[in-house]
Protein backbone atom coordinates (compact mmCIF):
# COMPACT_ATOMS: atom_id res chain seq x y z
CA MET A 1 288.85 172.89 147.70
CA GLU A 2 289.26 174.45 144.09
CA TYR A 3 286.26 175.93 142.58
CA THR A 4 285.39 174.26 139.43
CA ALA A 5 282.48 174.08 137.04
CA ILE A 6 281.35 170.80 138.59
CA LEU A 7 281.60 172.59 142.07
CA GLU A 8 279.44 175.17 140.70
CA LYS A 9 276.80 172.72 139.39
CA GLN A 10 276.86 170.95 142.76
CA ILE A 11 276.40 174.32 144.57
CA LEU A 12 273.63 175.34 142.29
CA GLY A 13 271.87 171.86 142.98
CA ARG A 14 272.19 172.33 146.46
CA LEU A 15 270.57 175.87 146.61
CA LYS A 16 267.39 174.57 144.77
CA VAL A 17 267.13 171.72 147.47
CA ASP A 18 267.44 174.26 150.17
CA ASN A 19 264.72 176.65 148.85
CA PRO A 20 261.88 174.63 147.73
CA TRP A 21 259.62 177.55 148.03
CA TRP A 22 261.23 178.75 144.60
CA THR A 23 259.05 175.95 142.78
CA GLU A 24 256.46 175.10 145.48
CA GLY A 25 255.44 178.62 146.63
CA LYS A 26 255.74 177.42 150.35
CA VAL A 27 257.89 176.39 153.23
CA PRO A 28 257.94 172.63 153.95
CA SER A 29 255.01 171.58 155.83
CA PHE A 30 257.07 170.22 158.75
CA TYR A 31 257.99 173.84 159.78
CA GLY A 32 254.77 175.16 158.79
CA LYS A 33 252.86 173.08 161.39
CA MET A 34 255.38 173.93 164.38
CA SER A 35 254.17 176.32 166.81
CA PRO A 36 256.42 179.54 166.52
CA ARG A 37 258.45 180.80 169.63
CA LEU A 38 256.76 183.76 171.06
CA TYR A 39 260.34 185.78 170.18
CA LEU A 40 259.01 185.68 166.62
CA ASP A 41 256.74 188.60 167.29
CA ILE A 42 259.83 190.56 168.11
CA PHE A 43 262.14 189.04 165.29
CA TYR A 44 259.83 189.28 162.37
CA PRO A 45 259.15 193.09 162.16
CA LEU A 46 263.03 193.62 162.20
CA VAL A 47 263.30 190.94 159.33
CA LYS A 48 260.63 193.10 157.50
CA ASP A 49 261.98 196.33 158.06
CA VAL A 50 263.72 197.05 154.78
CA ASP A 51 263.92 201.00 155.53
CA ILE A 52 266.67 200.49 157.74
CA GLN A 53 269.89 199.39 156.28
CA ARG A 54 271.11 196.90 158.69
CA ALA A 55 271.75 193.12 158.84
CA ILE A 56 269.97 191.17 161.47
CA ILE A 57 272.53 188.73 163.57
CA LEU A 58 270.44 186.06 164.96
CA MET A 59 272.32 184.44 167.94
CA GLY A 60 271.71 181.46 170.53
CA PRO A 61 272.69 178.06 171.36
CA ARG A 62 272.23 175.17 169.19
CA ARG A 63 268.48 173.81 168.73
CA VAL A 64 266.79 176.56 170.33
CA GLY A 65 264.83 177.07 167.32
CA LYS A 66 266.93 179.54 165.30
CA THR A 67 266.80 177.89 161.79
CA VAL A 68 263.04 177.10 162.64
CA MET A 69 262.38 181.07 163.30
CA ILE A 70 263.97 181.70 160.10
CA TYR A 71 261.55 179.50 158.05
CA HIS A 72 258.69 180.84 160.05
CA SER A 73 259.93 184.38 158.98
CA ILE A 74 260.03 183.11 155.28
CA LYS A 75 256.36 181.54 155.65
CA LYS A 76 255.01 185.08 157.05
CA LEU A 77 257.05 186.91 153.93
CA ILE A 78 255.17 184.58 151.53
CA ASP A 79 251.79 184.57 153.39
CA GLU A 80 252.32 188.69 153.29
CA GLY A 81 252.83 188.65 149.62
CA VAL A 82 256.52 188.94 149.07
CA SER A 83 257.63 186.48 145.98
CA PRO A 84 259.01 183.30 147.10
CA GLN A 85 261.56 183.71 144.49
CA ASN A 86 262.85 186.92 146.10
CA ILE A 87 263.68 184.75 149.34
CA ILE A 88 266.92 182.91 149.49
CA TYR A 89 268.20 180.91 152.40
CA VAL A 90 271.75 179.35 152.72
CA SER A 91 272.89 177.11 155.41
CA VAL A 92 276.45 178.14 155.49
CA GLU A 93 277.66 174.93 157.57
CA THR A 94 276.79 172.77 154.60
CA PRO A 95 280.34 171.30 153.53
CA ILE A 96 279.92 172.13 149.68
CA TYR A 97 280.02 175.82 150.67
CA TYR A 98 283.32 175.69 152.58
CA ASN A 99 285.41 178.81 151.74
CA ILE A 100 282.51 180.06 149.45
CA LEU A 101 282.15 183.64 149.93
CA LEU A 102 278.40 185.09 150.65
CA GLU A 103 278.50 187.34 147.84
CA GLN A 104 279.11 184.47 145.54
CA LEU A 105 276.49 182.62 147.03
CA PHE A 106 274.16 185.34 146.58
CA ASN A 107 275.01 185.79 143.17
CA LEU A 108 274.53 182.05 142.21
CA ALA A 109 271.27 182.05 143.76
CA CYS A 110 270.09 184.96 141.71
CA GLN A 111 271.72 183.40 138.69
CA ILE A 112 269.19 180.16 139.45
CA LEU A 113 266.14 182.72 139.74
CA GLY A 114 267.02 184.86 136.68
CA LYS A 115 266.78 187.91 138.84
CA GLU A 116 268.96 190.99 138.81
CA LYS A 117 270.24 191.91 142.10
CA GLY A 118 269.90 195.84 141.83
CA LYS A 119 266.46 195.90 140.62
CA GLU A 120 264.06 193.86 143.18
CA GLN A 121 263.80 193.79 146.82
CA PHE A 122 265.25 190.25 148.27
CA PHE A 123 265.44 188.61 151.62
CA VAL A 124 268.55 186.61 152.16
CA PHE A 125 269.20 184.18 155.38
CA PHE A 126 272.73 183.07 155.91
CA ASP A 127 272.35 180.03 158.64
CA GLU A 128 275.14 179.12 160.81
CA ILE A 129 277.34 181.77 159.62
CA GLN A 130 280.22 181.44 162.09
CA TYR A 131 281.60 178.62 159.98
CA LEU A 132 282.70 180.96 157.39
CA LYS A 133 285.94 182.78 157.83
CA ASP A 134 285.79 186.63 158.10
CA TRP A 135 282.02 186.39 157.84
CA GLU A 136 281.47 189.90 159.38
CA ILE A 137 283.47 191.48 156.49
CA ASN A 138 281.77 189.52 153.90
CA LEU A 139 278.28 190.67 155.35
CA LYS A 140 279.18 194.37 155.76
CA SER A 141 280.15 194.48 152.18
CA LEU A 142 276.90 193.15 151.29
CA VAL A 143 274.80 195.46 153.40
CA ASP A 144 276.81 198.50 151.85
CA THR A 145 276.52 197.40 148.29
CA TYR A 146 272.77 195.99 147.91
CA HIS A 147 270.42 198.70 149.59
CA ASN A 148 267.57 196.64 148.25
CA VAL A 149 268.42 193.43 150.09
CA LYS A 150 267.52 192.40 153.93
CA PHE A 151 270.52 190.28 155.20
CA VAL A 152 269.82 188.10 158.04
CA ALA A 153 272.44 185.95 159.55
CA SER A 154 272.48 183.21 162.50
CA GLY A 155 274.97 181.55 164.60
CA SER A 156 275.65 179.36 167.62
CA ALA A 157 278.73 181.05 169.05
CA ALA A 158 277.75 184.17 170.83
CA ALA A 159 280.76 185.75 172.15
CA ALA A 160 282.77 185.02 168.62
CA LEU A 161 279.63 186.39 166.77
CA LYS A 162 278.88 189.62 169.05
CA LYS A 163 282.42 190.40 169.06
CA SER A 164 282.82 190.15 165.29
CA SER A 165 279.49 192.15 164.99
CA ASN A 166 280.77 194.79 167.24
CA GLU A 167 283.81 195.38 165.76
CA SER A 168 283.20 195.24 162.10
CA GLY A 169 279.57 195.74 161.67
CA ALA A 170 279.16 198.83 163.81
CA GLY A 171 276.30 200.72 162.24
CA ARG A 172 275.46 197.70 160.16
CA PHE A 173 274.38 195.07 162.11
CA THR A 174 271.44 194.40 164.67
CA ASP A 175 272.14 191.57 167.18
CA PHE A 176 269.05 189.73 168.26
CA ASN A 177 269.72 186.76 170.94
CA LEU A 178 267.33 183.97 170.98
CA PRO A 179 267.75 181.85 174.47
CA PRO A 180 266.52 178.59 175.43
CA LEU A 181 262.91 178.25 175.99
CA LEU A 182 261.64 180.72 178.72
CA PHE A 183 259.15 179.14 181.07
CA PHE A 184 256.47 181.71 180.14
CA GLU A 185 257.03 180.37 176.33
CA TYR A 186 257.09 176.79 177.61
CA ILE A 187 253.61 177.15 179.41
CA HIS A 188 251.81 179.32 176.27
CA LEU A 189 253.21 176.60 173.71
CA ARG A 190 251.75 173.89 175.50
CA GLY A 191 248.57 175.50 176.03
CA TYR A 192 248.46 175.82 179.74
CA ASP A 193 248.27 179.63 180.05
CA ILE A 194 244.75 179.14 181.03
CA ILE A 195 245.74 177.93 184.34
CA MET A 196 247.73 181.42 184.90
CA ARG A 197 246.23 184.60 186.24
CA GLU A 198 247.58 188.18 186.64
CA SER A 199 247.47 189.55 189.93
CA LYS A 200 249.12 193.03 191.36
CA VAL A 201 251.74 193.45 194.01
CA GLU A 202 252.93 196.76 195.47
CA TRP A 203 256.69 197.31 194.97
CA GLY A 204 258.33 200.33 195.76
CA GLY A 205 255.24 202.35 195.76
CA ILE A 206 254.34 200.96 192.34
CA GLU A 207 251.78 198.55 191.48
CA SER A 208 253.68 195.72 189.47
CA SER A 209 252.11 192.62 187.69
CA VAL A 210 252.57 189.04 189.20
CA TYR A 211 251.28 185.82 188.26
CA ASP A 212 249.55 183.25 190.25
CA SER A 213 247.72 179.70 189.37
CA ILE A 214 244.36 178.36 189.89
CA ASP A 215 245.95 174.96 189.95
CA MET A 216 249.43 175.23 191.73
CA GLY A 217 249.75 171.41 191.61
CA GLN A 218 249.63 171.17 187.98
CA LEU A 219 251.72 174.25 187.50
CA ASN A 220 254.48 172.43 189.67
CA GLU A 221 254.22 169.52 187.59
CA LEU A 222 254.72 171.49 184.43
CA PHE A 223 257.85 173.35 186.01
CA LEU A 224 259.29 170.06 186.77
CA ASP A 225 258.57 169.04 183.41
CA TYR A 226 260.29 172.27 182.07
CA ILE A 227 263.29 171.80 184.23
CA ASN A 228 263.74 168.15 182.81
CA PHE A 229 262.70 168.87 179.41
CA GLY A 230 261.66 172.41 178.59
CA GLY A 231 265.05 174.09 177.38
CA TYR A 232 264.76 172.87 173.90
CA PRO A 233 261.59 172.91 171.82
CA GLU A 234 262.22 169.65 170.01
CA VAL A 235 262.72 167.98 173.44
CA ALA A 236 259.81 169.82 175.13
CA PHE A 237 257.08 168.88 172.39
CA SER A 238 258.31 165.15 171.67
CA ALA A 239 257.35 162.60 173.87
CA ARG A 240 259.60 160.20 171.89
CA ILE A 241 262.77 162.36 172.68
CA GLN A 242 261.67 162.76 176.35
CA LYS A 243 262.01 158.99 176.76
CA ASP A 244 265.61 159.49 175.88
CA PRO A 245 266.77 162.98 176.17
CA SER A 246 270.42 162.08 176.77
CA GLN A 247 270.55 160.68 172.98
CA PHE A 248 269.19 164.11 171.75
CA VAL A 249 271.18 166.63 173.91
CA ARG A 250 274.39 164.84 174.16
CA HIS A 251 274.79 163.82 170.66
CA ASP A 252 273.02 166.70 169.05
CA ILE A 253 273.82 169.49 171.17
CA VAL A 254 276.71 168.82 173.39
CA ASP A 255 278.96 166.83 171.29
CA LYS A 256 278.69 169.18 168.43
CA VAL A 257 279.53 172.18 170.35
CA LEU A 258 282.33 170.76 172.64
CA LEU A 259 283.68 168.24 169.94
CA ARG A 260 283.08 170.31 166.73
CA ASP A 261 281.98 174.30 167.27
CA LEU A 262 284.59 175.21 170.19
CA PRO A 263 287.61 173.25 168.88
CA SER A 264 287.11 174.80 165.14
CA LEU A 265 286.42 178.26 166.79
CA TYR A 266 289.13 178.59 169.13
CA GLY A 267 291.86 175.80 168.17
CA ILE A 268 291.26 173.55 171.27
CA SER A 269 293.36 170.48 170.99
CA ASP A 270 292.24 168.45 174.18
CA VAL A 271 288.58 168.15 173.81
CA GLN A 272 288.38 165.57 176.73
CA GLU A 273 289.49 168.28 179.16
CA LEU A 274 286.73 170.49 177.99
CA ASN A 275 284.18 167.84 178.05
CA SER A 276 285.22 166.64 181.68
CA LEU A 277 284.88 170.42 182.78
CA PHE A 278 281.72 171.01 181.49
CA THR A 279 280.12 167.64 182.83
CA MET A 280 281.28 168.76 186.25
CA ILE A 281 280.11 172.17 185.74
CA ALA A 282 276.55 170.86 184.42
CA TYR A 283 276.30 168.48 187.60
CA HIS A 284 276.90 171.25 189.88
CA SER A 285 274.79 173.76 188.24
CA GLY A 286 274.06 176.73 190.73
CA MET A 287 277.05 175.95 192.94
CA GLU A 288 280.04 178.06 193.95
CA PHE A 289 283.10 177.61 191.98
CA SER A 290 286.84 178.74 192.22
CA TYR A 291 289.72 178.39 189.59
CA ASP A 292 292.00 177.06 192.53
CA GLY A 293 289.25 174.26 193.17
CA MET A 294 288.64 173.44 190.03
CA SER A 295 292.28 173.10 189.20
CA LYS A 296 293.11 171.08 191.91
CA GLU A 297 290.06 168.70 191.16
CA SER A 298 290.69 168.33 187.45
CA GLY A 299 294.62 168.60 187.23
CA VAL A 300 293.97 171.03 184.60
CA LYS A 301 296.03 174.34 184.63
CA LYS A 302 293.84 177.55 185.89
CA GLU A 303 294.38 179.77 183.13
CA THR A 304 293.09 176.87 180.83
CA ILE A 305 290.10 176.63 182.99
CA ARG A 306 289.56 180.08 182.66
CA ARG A 307 289.67 180.12 178.91
CA TYR A 308 287.35 176.83 178.64
CA ILE A 309 284.74 178.67 180.91
CA GLN A 310 284.97 181.69 178.48
CA TYR A 311 284.41 179.19 175.60
CA LEU A 312 281.38 177.63 177.16
CA GLU A 313 279.75 180.79 177.75
CA ALA A 314 280.46 181.75 174.17
CA ALA A 315 278.48 178.82 173.28
CA PHE A 316 275.60 179.60 175.32
CA LEU A 317 275.93 176.62 177.44
CA ILE A 318 276.73 178.13 180.87
CA LYS A 319 276.63 181.58 182.83
CA VAL A 320 279.14 182.76 185.18
CA VAL A 321 277.46 184.86 187.85
CA ASN A 322 279.79 187.04 189.85
CA LYS A 323 279.93 187.62 193.83
CA THR A 324 279.29 190.83 195.92
CA ASP A 325 279.55 191.19 199.41
CA ASP A 326 277.02 192.20 202.10
CA THR A 327 277.39 195.89 200.56
CA ALA A 328 276.88 194.88 196.84
CA ARG A 329 280.53 195.94 196.48
CA ARG A 330 282.25 194.72 193.23
CA PHE A 331 285.47 192.87 193.69
CA GLN A 332 288.41 193.77 191.44
CA ARG A 333 289.41 190.15 191.57
CA GLN A 334 286.75 187.29 191.54
CA THR A 335 288.01 184.46 193.20
CA THR A 336 284.96 182.42 193.55
CA PHE A 337 281.83 182.71 191.32
CA LYS A 338 278.53 180.82 190.74
CA ILE A 339 278.09 178.68 187.29
CA TYR A 340 274.70 178.09 185.93
CA LEU A 341 273.50 176.01 182.95
CA THR A 342 271.76 178.35 180.34
CA ASN A 343 268.66 176.02 180.63
CA PRO A 344 268.33 173.08 183.46
CA SER A 345 267.15 170.27 181.15
CA LEU A 346 270.93 170.23 179.89
CA ARG A 347 271.84 168.56 183.27
CA CYS A 348 268.96 166.53 183.48
CA ALA A 349 269.67 165.02 180.01
CA LEU A 350 273.27 164.42 180.69
CA PHE A 351 272.42 162.55 183.82
CA GLU A 352 268.92 161.62 184.70
CA PRO A 353 265.85 163.65 185.15
CA VAL A 354 265.04 165.03 188.69
CA LYS A 355 262.27 164.64 190.92
CA MET A 356 260.39 166.95 193.17
CA THR A 357 262.06 165.32 196.19
CA ASP A 358 265.38 164.73 195.12
CA GLY A 359 268.30 166.26 196.87
CA ASN A 360 269.42 168.54 194.22
CA ILE A 361 266.23 170.19 193.27
CA GLY A 362 266.88 173.21 195.08
CA ASP A 363 270.09 173.76 192.92
CA MET A 364 267.82 172.93 189.55
CA ILE A 365 265.22 175.25 190.68
CA GLU A 366 267.60 177.92 191.20
CA THR A 367 269.06 177.29 187.81
CA ALA A 368 265.72 177.45 185.96
CA VAL A 369 264.69 180.75 187.84
CA TYR A 370 267.89 182.41 186.89
CA SER A 371 267.72 181.16 183.43
CA GLN A 372 264.85 183.34 183.04
CA TRP A 373 267.22 186.41 183.87
CA ILE A 374 269.94 185.67 181.48
CA PRO A 375 268.79 186.88 178.46
CA ARG A 376 268.51 190.40 179.79
CA ASP A 377 271.11 193.13 179.81
CA GLU A 378 271.32 193.55 183.46
CA ARG A 379 273.99 192.89 186.11
CA ILE A 380 272.75 190.22 188.60
CA ALA A 381 274.86 188.91 191.09
CA TYR A 382 274.77 186.65 194.42
CA ALA A 383 275.66 187.96 197.49
CA ASN A 384 278.05 186.30 200.00
CA TRP A 385 280.08 187.33 203.05
CA LYS A 386 281.58 186.37 206.29
CA ILE A 387 281.42 188.29 209.48
CA GLY A 388 283.48 186.44 212.02
CA ARG A 389 281.76 183.15 212.20
CA THR A 390 278.74 184.07 210.41
CA GLN A 391 278.42 182.98 206.82
CA GLY A 392 275.77 184.84 204.85
CA GLU A 393 274.15 184.68 201.28
CA VAL A 394 271.28 185.94 199.29
CA ASP A 395 270.81 184.10 195.89
CA LEU A 396 269.93 186.82 193.65
CA VAL A 397 270.82 190.45 193.77
CA GLY A 398 269.98 193.08 191.18
CA ILE A 399 272.86 195.73 191.21
CA ASN A 400 272.45 199.29 190.39
CA ASP A 401 275.73 200.31 188.84
CA ALA A 402 275.13 204.16 188.91
CA LEU A 403 274.80 203.97 192.64
CA GLN A 404 276.94 200.92 193.20
CA LYS A 405 274.18 199.41 195.55
CA PRO A 406 271.66 196.67 195.19
CA SER A 407 268.16 197.81 194.00
CA TRP A 408 266.28 194.08 194.71
CA ALA A 409 266.88 190.76 196.29
CA VAL A 410 265.60 187.19 196.02
CA GLU A 411 265.83 183.97 197.86
CA VAL A 412 264.90 181.11 195.88
CA LYS A 413 263.59 178.34 198.13
CA TRP A 414 261.88 175.09 197.43
CA THR A 415 260.16 175.08 200.49
CA ASP A 416 257.22 176.61 202.28
CA ARG A 417 258.63 176.70 205.52
CA PHE A 418 259.79 180.13 205.43
CA PHE A 419 256.36 181.54 204.60
CA ASP A 420 255.42 180.09 208.29
CA ARG A 421 258.71 181.08 209.70
CA PRO A 422 260.03 184.42 208.02
CA SER A 423 262.25 185.01 211.19
CA GLU A 424 264.42 182.42 209.92
CA LEU A 425 265.44 184.32 206.72
CA SER A 426 268.63 185.79 209.10
CA SER A 427 270.87 186.58 205.91
CA LEU A 428 268.13 188.14 203.96
CA LYS A 429 266.95 190.18 207.25
CA TYR A 430 270.85 191.39 207.61
CA PHE A 431 271.34 192.25 203.74
CA MET A 432 268.01 194.25 203.75
CA GLU A 433 268.94 196.04 206.95
CA LYS A 434 272.54 196.54 205.66
CA ASN A 435 271.45 198.08 202.27
CA HIS A 436 268.20 200.00 203.23
CA LEU A 437 265.86 197.53 201.04
CA SER A 438 262.34 198.09 202.32
CA GLN A 439 261.42 194.93 200.44
CA ALA A 440 262.63 191.44 199.22
CA LEU A 441 261.08 188.12 197.41
CA VAL A 442 261.10 184.63 198.50
CA THR A 443 260.13 181.98 196.58
CA THR A 444 258.26 178.95 197.59
CA ILE A 445 256.37 175.70 196.44
CA GLY A 446 253.02 176.77 196.79
CA GLN A 447 252.43 179.46 199.39
CA ARG A 448 252.09 183.22 198.47
CA GLY A 449 251.55 186.20 200.49
CA ARG A 450 253.09 189.20 202.12
CA LYS A 451 254.90 189.38 205.45
CA ASP A 452 255.51 192.80 207.14
CA MET A 453 258.40 192.16 209.34
CA ASP A 454 260.23 194.81 211.54
CA PHE A 455 263.12 194.72 209.01
CA GLY A 456 260.84 195.17 205.95
CA THR A 457 258.24 193.46 203.74
CA LEU A 458 258.79 190.16 202.34
CA HIS A 459 256.59 188.83 199.24
CA PHE A 460 256.29 185.10 199.10
CA ILE A 461 255.76 183.65 195.41
CA PRO A 462 256.03 180.11 194.31
CA SER A 463 258.88 179.56 192.46
CA ALA A 464 257.06 178.52 189.37
CA CYS A 465 255.03 181.70 189.20
CA TYR A 466 258.01 183.67 189.84
CA ALA A 467 259.65 181.89 186.87
CA TYR A 468 256.74 182.67 184.58
CA THR A 469 256.54 186.16 185.62
CA VAL A 470 260.41 186.91 185.05
CA GLY A 471 259.87 185.22 181.72
CA GLU A 472 257.17 187.33 180.59
CA ASN A 473 258.88 190.50 181.62
CA THR A 474 261.99 189.11 179.89
CA LEU A 475 260.10 189.08 176.64
CA ARG A 476 258.48 192.52 177.11
CA GLN A 477 261.81 193.76 177.78
CA ALA A 478 263.33 192.45 174.64
CA LYS A 479 260.41 193.86 172.62
CA ARG A 480 260.88 197.20 174.29
CA SER A 481 264.81 197.12 173.46
CA PHE A 482 263.88 197.04 169.58
CA GLY A 483 261.31 199.93 169.95
CA LEU A 484 258.61 197.58 169.50
């Protein structure tokens, strides 16, 4: 599109529309009334810190609240005394901005405001930045040039953004990942944290915090709601959308990612192949896959499937979990692996909500539990082995890379049977003995307690309580990682 006086006039008009606080002094009430995500307490201090000359790169899947968190940050800036006319928001995916450089958009905003760029402190937000070619070069140049401006950019293509951030923004960008709603957030934002209570458990000689509930029946109902509707804030808090979540998720999330984002970013021509593969993965979330098996079932070449899986991971839709054996050995060549949806509500919206008694509820419980771990930078695997005719598996294994051995193990169960019959956990028993683990954790529906066995100690905790505990620890770890 040729840059003309008419186009510039249209861009100026659009910038005024996107920044209503320039004239009204506040963000739209629609955003002001929305409950902020708990991640805002970590994100906002990074935005406000103008002493460090770095841009913030806010990454996460579509519809998890990145734009809303930007608006909430703008609201807090205004509430804390920053002039509304020193805050600039640009939605880069707006068609009229196509091929317009970031600096040019910044200049036009300052032109509207009658401000000189070098004399005042600005906060500039670029939303959905992945649509601008060479965005990272543009943004690094801005950071290096304007020392009195705090730049924040957001995007929905994790791998592409992170790769560009690492390669071109070394020392200039700080990456911030916003995942789908954690179960801990879901409970707090819905006001049900009053049914949770903190308790202690001895783990490895250290007293650790875990959570219990004063009403396990209600908590399990909330956990099921979370599995069906809880990944996306708009679905989680809208009874209207929950009546037809497939309309929202399929059209506003899946289709935009599969039909627009990924094809435009990676040059995919056969979107139907990609869509079919994702649908198959979503239906079987938490199950073991192989490239050979997927190729035979779909008729798509293995190398193409390998690329598609990388793209789906880049879009935050799925997470591949590698397999280890009974000794936690890392395989040089992964022929089989598990794939989880990044949040279980994706599957439920694409097909139908699950019930407590459905045959696939176990896979969705496991997906929900694993999704609480995904935001962390830790190596988690599943253990699977075959010795003679004996097949064994442990659902979640934390790997100590330095020692190349497992540091913890969790069996995710949606039954109370093993609380009464812990000796039936033969795979877990074998794995603990093989790797000299003195303790392991087993989830249940409602039972909790400690069982001291001849092979070690088993801690039983309801799946919902475990997901809540892991979610809180994930938030705490994110806060620590930024020195907060």
